Amino acid sequence: MKEMRIQQLEEIVEKFCSERDWDQFHDPKSLACLIITEAGELLEPFRFCSAQESEELLNDPIQRRAVAEELSDVLFGLLRISQKYQLNLTEAFMEKMKVNERKYPISQFKGSNRKYNQD
C-alpha cells in the first residue's frame, strides 16, 4: 500500500463521514470522547502486562492486528477532528516538537524518562 499524507487521510475520513451523514454527531466534545475511548481500548491488551510482556504481545499476529485496529480508531478520531475543524495536524505537531525540544534538551534528558518539571 502506498504512503499517504495526512490531508489525503482526512479526505478519506471526510468522505466516509459525509456519506453516512455523521457531521451531526461529530462536535468537538464527541470527537474528543471518541479519541479517549479508543485510546482506552488500545490500552486494554497491555493492562496487566509487564514491559517485556507488552513487547512480546506484539509478536502475536492476532494481538498485533487488534492493536493496529485500535490505533486506527484513534487515528480516525484525530483525523476527523482535525479535518472537520480545520486544525493542521502537521503544523501543530511540528510546533509541539519545537516546544518539546525546549522542554527536553538532550543534555538534560538523554536516557531519562522524568517529566520536564520534575527535579
N, C-alpha and C. Protein backbone atom coordinates (compact mmCIF):
# COMPACT_ATOMS: atom_id res chain seq x y z
N MET A 1 0.85 -1.18 0.00
CA MET A 1 0.00 0.00 0.00
C MET A 1 0.90 1.25 0.00
N LYS A 2 0.51 2.23 -0.79
CA LYS A 2 1.31 3.45 -0.87
C LYS A 2 1.16 4.30 0.38
N GLU A 3 2.19 5.09 0.65
CA GLU A 3 2.13 6.02 1.78
C GLU A 3 1.18 7.16 1.43
N MET A 4 0.48 7.65 2.42
CA MET A 4 -0.46 8.74 2.21
C MET A 4 -0.13 9.90 3.14
N ARG A 5 -0.43 11.07 2.69
CA ARG A 5 -0.27 12.27 3.50
C ARG A 5 -1.48 12.44 4.42
N ILE A 6 -1.30 13.19 5.47
CA ILE A 6 -2.38 13.42 6.42
C ILE A 6 -3.60 14.00 5.71
N GLN A 7 -3.39 14.94 4.81
CA GLN A 7 -4.51 15.56 4.09
C GLN A 7 -5.30 14.51 3.30
N GLN A 8 -4.62 13.56 2.70
CA GLN A 8 -5.31 12.50 1.96
C GLN A 8 -6.14 11.64 2.91
N LEU A 9 -5.59 11.33 4.06
CA LEU A 9 -6.33 10.54 5.05
C LEU A 9 -7.55 11.32 5.55
N GLU A 10 -7.38 12.62 5.76
CA GLU A 10 -8.51 13.45 6.19
C GLU A 10 -9.61 13.45 5.14
N GLU A 11 -9.25 13.47 3.88
CA GLU A 11 -10.24 13.44 2.80
C GLU A 11 -11.01 12.12 2.80
N ILE A 12 -10.32 11.02 3.08
CA ILE A 12 -10.99 9.72 3.17
C ILE A 12 -11.98 9.72 4.34
N VAL A 13 -11.55 10.25 5.47
CA VAL A 13 -12.42 10.33 6.65
C VAL A 13 -13.62 11.23 6.37
N GLU A 14 -13.37 12.37 5.74
CA GLU A 14 -14.47 13.29 5.43
C GLU A 14 -15.50 12.62 4.52
N LYS A 15 -15.06 11.94 3.49
CA LYS A 15 -15.97 11.25 2.57
C LYS A 15 -16.76 10.17 3.30
N PHE A 16 -16.07 9.38 4.10
CA PHE A 16 -16.71 8.31 4.87
C PHE A 16 -17.82 8.87 5.75
N CYS A 17 -17.52 9.94 6.48
CA CYS A 17 -18.49 10.52 7.40
C CYS A 17 -19.62 11.24 6.66
N SER A 18 -19.29 11.91 5.58
CA SER A 18 -20.29 12.61 4.79
C SER A 18 -21.30 11.63 4.20
N GLU A 19 -20.82 10.53 3.68
CA GLU A 19 -21.71 9.53 3.10
C GLU A 19 -22.68 8.95 4.13
N ARG A 20 -22.31 9.01 5.39
CA ARG A 20 -23.13 8.45 6.46
C ARG A 20 -23.90 9.53 7.23
N ASP A 21 -23.74 10.79 6.81
CA ASP A 21 -24.41 11.91 7.46
C ASP A 21 -24.06 11.97 8.95
N TRP A 22 -22.77 11.88 9.25
CA TRP A 22 -22.31 11.86 10.63
C TRP A 22 -21.86 13.22 11.16
N ASP A 23 -21.88 14.26 10.33
CA ASP A 23 -21.47 15.58 10.83
C ASP A 23 -22.26 15.95 12.08
N GLN A 24 -23.52 15.60 12.09
CA GLN A 24 -24.39 15.96 13.21
C GLN A 24 -23.94 15.36 14.54
N PHE A 25 -23.14 14.30 14.47
CA PHE A 25 -22.69 13.62 15.69
C PHE A 25 -21.25 13.98 16.07
N HIS A 26 -20.59 14.73 15.21
CA HIS A 26 -19.15 14.95 15.39
C HIS A 26 -18.81 16.36 15.82
N ASP A 27 -19.32 16.76 16.95
CA ASP A 27 -18.91 18.01 17.57
C ASP A 27 -17.57 17.77 18.27
N PRO A 28 -16.85 18.83 18.64
CA PRO A 28 -15.52 18.63 19.26
C PRO A 28 -15.54 17.74 20.50
N LYS A 29 -16.53 17.90 21.36
CA LYS A 29 -16.59 17.08 22.57
C LYS A 29 -16.77 15.60 22.23
N SER A 30 -17.66 15.31 21.32
CA SER A 30 -17.91 13.92 20.93
C SER A 30 -16.68 13.29 20.29
N LEU A 31 -15.96 14.06 19.50
CA LEU A 31 -14.75 13.54 18.87
C LEU A 31 -13.63 13.34 19.89
N ALA A 32 -13.54 14.25 20.85
CA ALA A 32 -12.55 14.06 21.91
C ALA A 32 -12.89 12.80 22.72
N CYS A 33 -14.17 12.59 22.98
CA CYS A 33 -14.60 11.36 23.69
C CYS A 33 -14.26 10.13 22.87
N LEU A 34 -14.47 10.19 21.56
CA LEU A 34 -14.14 9.07 20.69
C LEU A 34 -12.65 8.73 20.81
N ILE A 35 -11.81 9.76 20.76
CA ILE A 35 -10.36 9.54 20.83
C ILE A 35 -9.96 8.90 22.15
N ILE A 36 -10.46 9.41 23.25
CA ILE A 36 -10.07 8.88 24.55
C ILE A 36 -10.63 7.49 24.77
N THR A 37 -11.83 7.23 24.28
CA THR A 37 -12.43 5.89 24.40
C THR A 37 -11.60 4.87 23.62
N GLU A 38 -11.24 5.22 22.40
CA GLU A 38 -10.45 4.30 21.58
C GLU A 38 -9.04 4.14 22.15
N ALA A 39 -8.48 5.19 22.73
CA ALA A 39 -7.16 5.08 23.37
C ALA A 39 -7.23 4.13 24.56
N GLY A 40 -8.35 4.16 25.27
CA GLY A 40 -8.55 3.21 26.37
C GLY A 40 -8.62 1.78 25.86
N GLU A 41 -9.26 1.59 24.73
CA GLU A 41 -9.33 0.25 24.14
C GLU A 41 -7.95 -0.21 23.66
N LEU A 42 -7.12 0.73 23.24
CA LEU A 42 -5.75 0.41 22.86
C LEU A 42 -4.97 -0.10 24.07
N LEU A 43 -5.24 0.46 25.22
CA LEU A 43 -4.54 0.07 26.45
C LEU A 43 -4.92 -1.32 26.94
N GLU A 44 -6.14 -1.73 26.64
CA GLU A 44 -6.69 -2.97 27.22
C GLU A 44 -5.79 -4.19 27.11
N PRO A 45 -5.24 -4.55 25.94
CA PRO A 45 -4.42 -5.78 25.89
C PRO A 45 -3.12 -5.68 26.70
N PHE A 46 -2.68 -4.46 26.98
CA PHE A 46 -1.42 -4.26 27.70
C PHE A 46 -1.61 -4.10 29.20
N ARG A 47 -2.83 -3.97 29.64
CA ARG A 47 -3.14 -3.54 31.00
C ARG A 47 -2.40 -4.31 32.09
N PHE A 48 -2.37 -5.61 32.02
CA PHE A 48 -1.75 -6.39 33.07
C PHE A 48 -0.42 -7.00 32.64
N CYS A 49 0.19 -6.41 31.63
CA CYS A 49 1.47 -6.92 31.11
C CYS A 49 2.63 -6.14 31.72
N SER A 50 3.73 -6.84 31.87
CA SER A 50 4.99 -6.15 32.18
C SER A 50 5.46 -5.48 30.89
N ALA A 51 6.49 -4.67 30.98
CA ALA A 51 7.04 -4.04 29.79
C ALA A 51 7.47 -5.09 28.76
N GLN A 52 8.14 -6.12 29.25
CA GLN A 52 8.60 -7.19 28.35
C GLN A 52 7.41 -7.94 27.75
N GLU A 53 6.42 -8.26 28.55
CA GLU A 53 5.24 -8.97 28.05
C GLU A 53 4.48 -8.14 27.01
N SER A 54 4.47 -6.83 27.22
CA SER A 54 3.76 -5.98 26.25
C SER A 54 4.48 -5.99 24.90
N GLU A 55 5.80 -6.06 24.91
CA GLU A 55 6.53 -6.17 23.65
C GLU A 55 6.30 -7.53 23.01
N GLU A 56 6.29 -8.57 23.82
CA GLU A 56 6.05 -9.92 23.30
C GLU A 56 4.63 -10.05 22.73
N LEU A 57 3.68 -9.35 23.33
CA LEU A 57 2.31 -9.39 22.85
C LEU A 57 2.23 -8.99 21.38
N LEU A 58 3.05 -8.06 20.98
CA LEU A 58 3.04 -7.59 19.59
C LEU A 58 3.65 -8.58 18.62
N ASN A 59 4.25 -9.65 19.13
CA ASN A 59 4.75 -10.72 18.26
C ASN A 59 3.64 -11.68 17.85
N ASP A 60 2.53 -11.65 18.56
CA ASP A 60 1.39 -12.50 18.24
C ASP A 60 0.58 -11.80 17.13
N PRO A 61 0.40 -12.43 15.98
CA PRO A 61 -0.28 -11.77 14.85
C PRO A 61 -1.71 -11.32 15.17
N ILE A 62 -2.43 -12.07 15.97
CA ILE A 62 -3.81 -11.70 16.31
C ILE A 62 -3.81 -10.47 17.21
N GLN A 63 -2.96 -10.47 18.23
CA GLN A 63 -2.86 -9.32 19.13
C GLN A 63 -2.33 -8.09 18.39
N ARG A 64 -1.36 -8.32 17.53
CA ARG A 64 -0.78 -7.22 16.75
C ARG A 64 -1.87 -6.56 15.89
N ARG A 65 -2.70 -7.37 15.26
CA ARG A 65 -3.79 -6.84 14.43
C ARG A 65 -4.78 -6.07 15.29
N ALA A 66 -5.10 -6.60 16.46
CA ALA A 66 -6.04 -5.91 17.36
C ALA A 66 -5.50 -4.55 17.79
N VAL A 67 -4.20 -4.49 18.09
CA VAL A 67 -3.58 -3.22 18.47
C VAL A 67 -3.61 -2.25 17.28
N ALA A 68 -3.31 -2.75 16.09
CA ALA A 68 -3.34 -1.90 14.89
C ALA A 68 -4.75 -1.34 14.65
N GLU A 69 -5.76 -2.16 14.90
CA GLU A 69 -7.14 -1.68 14.73
C GLU A 69 -7.48 -0.57 15.71
N GLU A 70 -7.04 -0.72 16.95
CA GLU A 70 -7.30 0.34 17.94
C GLU A 70 -6.52 1.60 17.61
N LEU A 71 -5.29 1.45 17.16
CA LEU A 71 -4.52 2.62 16.71
C LEU A 71 -5.25 3.32 15.57
N SER A 72 -5.81 2.54 14.68
CA SER A 72 -6.55 3.11 13.55
C SER A 72 -7.79 3.86 14.01
N ASP A 73 -8.46 3.34 15.03
CA ASP A 73 -9.62 4.04 15.58
C ASP A 73 -9.22 5.37 16.21
N VAL A 74 -8.10 5.39 16.91
CA VAL A 74 -7.60 6.64 17.49
C VAL A 74 -7.24 7.61 16.36
N LEU A 75 -6.55 7.11 15.35
CA LEU A 75 -6.18 7.95 14.21
C LEU A 75 -7.41 8.50 13.51
N PHE A 76 -8.44 7.69 13.36
CA PHE A 76 -9.69 8.16 12.76
C PHE A 76 -10.20 9.38 13.52
N GLY A 77 -10.25 9.29 14.84
CA GLY A 77 -10.74 10.41 15.65
C GLY A 77 -9.87 11.65 15.49
N LEU A 78 -8.56 11.47 15.49
CA LEU A 78 -7.64 12.59 15.31
C LEU A 78 -7.83 13.25 13.95
N LEU A 79 -7.92 12.41 12.93
CA LEU A 79 -8.11 12.92 11.57
C LEU A 79 -9.45 13.63 11.43
N ARG A 80 -10.48 13.06 12.03
CA ARG A 80 -11.81 13.64 11.89
C ARG A 80 -11.90 15.00 12.56
N ILE A 81 -11.38 15.13 13.76
CA ILE A 81 -11.46 16.44 14.44
C ILE A 81 -10.58 17.47 13.71
N SER A 82 -9.44 17.04 13.22
CA SER A 82 -8.59 17.99 12.51
C SER A 82 -9.21 18.38 11.17
N GLN A 83 -9.83 17.42 10.48
CA GLN A 83 -10.46 17.70 9.20
C GLN A 83 -11.69 18.59 9.38
N LYS A 84 -12.53 18.23 10.31
CA LYS A 84 -13.80 18.94 10.46
C LYS A 84 -13.61 20.37 10.96
N TYR A 85 -12.60 20.58 11.78
CA TYR A 85 -12.39 21.90 12.38
C TYR A 85 -11.13 22.60 11.89
N GLN A 86 -10.66 22.17 10.74
CA GLN A 86 -9.51 22.80 10.06
C GLN A 86 -8.31 23.03 10.99
N LEU A 87 -7.94 21.98 11.69
CA LEU A 87 -6.74 22.01 12.52
C LEU A 87 -5.63 21.31 11.74
N ASN A 88 -4.58 22.01 11.45
CA ASN A 88 -3.49 21.44 10.66
C ASN A 88 -2.61 20.59 11.56
N LEU A 89 -2.80 19.27 11.48
CA LEU A 89 -2.06 18.35 12.36
C LEU A 89 -0.56 18.41 12.13
N THR A 90 -0.15 18.50 10.89
CA THR A 90 1.29 18.55 10.60
C THR A 90 1.91 19.79 11.23
N GLU A 91 1.29 20.91 11.03
CA GLU A 91 1.79 22.16 11.59
C GLU A 91 1.77 22.12 13.12
N ALA A 92 0.68 21.65 13.68
CA ALA A 92 0.57 21.57 15.14
C ALA A 92 1.62 20.62 15.72
N PHE A 93 1.83 19.49 15.05
CA PHE A 93 2.83 18.53 15.51
C PHE A 93 4.23 19.12 15.47
N MET A 94 4.56 19.77 14.39
CA MET A 94 5.90 20.35 14.27
C MET A 94 6.13 21.45 15.31
N GLU A 95 5.10 22.26 15.56
CA GLU A 95 5.22 23.29 16.60
C GLU A 95 5.39 22.65 17.97
N LYS A 96 4.63 21.60 18.24
CA LYS A 96 4.73 20.92 19.53
C LYS A 96 6.10 20.27 19.70
N MET A 97 6.67 19.74 18.63
CA MET A 97 8.01 19.16 18.72
C MET A 97 9.05 20.23 19.06
N LYS A 98 8.87 21.44 18.56
CA LYS A 98 9.77 22.54 18.93
C LYS A 98 9.66 22.84 20.42
N VAL A 99 8.43 22.86 20.92
CA VAL A 99 8.20 23.08 22.35
C VAL A 99 8.86 21.96 23.15
N ASN A 100 8.67 20.71 22.71
CA ASN A 100 9.27 19.57 23.41
C ASN A 100 10.80 19.63 23.39
N GLU A 101 11.37 20.10 22.29
CA GLU A 101 12.83 20.23 22.22
C GLU A 101 13.34 21.22 23.27
N ARG A 102 12.58 22.30 23.49
CA ARG A 102 12.96 23.27 24.52
C ARG A 102 12.77 22.69 25.93
N LYS A 103 11.69 21.95 26.13
CA LYS A 103 11.40 21.37 27.44
C LYS A 103 12.36 20.24 27.79
N TYR A 104 12.80 19.51 26.78
CA TYR A 104 13.59 18.30 26.99
C TYR A 104 14.91 18.36 26.23
N PRO A 105 15.82 19.26 26.63
CA PRO A 105 17.10 19.32 25.93
C PRO A 105 17.87 17.99 26.11
N ILE A 106 18.53 17.58 25.06
CA ILE A 106 19.24 16.30 25.06
C ILE A 106 20.22 16.23 26.22
N SER A 107 20.91 17.33 26.48
CA SER A 107 21.92 17.33 27.53
C SER A 107 21.37 17.01 28.91
N GLN A 108 20.09 17.28 29.13
CA GLN A 108 19.48 17.04 30.44
C GLN A 108 18.57 15.82 30.49
N PHE A 109 18.13 15.35 29.34
CA PHE A 109 17.10 14.30 29.36
C PHE A 109 17.47 13.03 28.61
N LYS A 110 18.64 12.97 28.05
CA LYS A 110 19.03 11.75 27.33
C LYS A 110 19.04 10.57 28.30
N GLY A 111 18.28 9.53 27.96
CA GLY A 111 18.21 8.34 28.81
C GLY A 111 17.33 8.49 30.04
N SER A 112 16.60 9.60 30.15
CA SER A 112 15.75 9.85 31.32
C SER A 112 14.29 9.87 30.90
N ASN A 113 13.43 9.34 31.75
CA ASN A 113 12.00 9.40 31.46
C ASN A 113 11.25 10.33 32.42
N ARG A 114 12.00 11.18 33.13
CA ARG A 114 11.35 12.09 34.04
C ARG A 114 10.68 13.24 33.25
N LYS A 115 9.69 13.83 33.83
CA LYS A 115 8.99 14.94 33.20
C LYS A 115 9.83 16.21 33.35
N TYR A 116 9.69 17.13 32.43
CA TYR A 116 10.50 18.34 32.40
C TYR A 116 10.42 19.16 33.68
N ASN A 117 9.32 19.08 34.40
CA ASN A 117 9.18 19.88 35.62
C ASN A 117 9.49 19.09 36.90
N GLN A 118 10.06 17.90 36.74
CA GLN A 118 10.49 17.12 37.90
C GLN A 118 11.96 17.36 38.14
N ASP A 119 12.33 17.49 39.40
CA ASP A 119 13.75 17.69 39.73
C ASP A 119 14.49 16.38 39.73
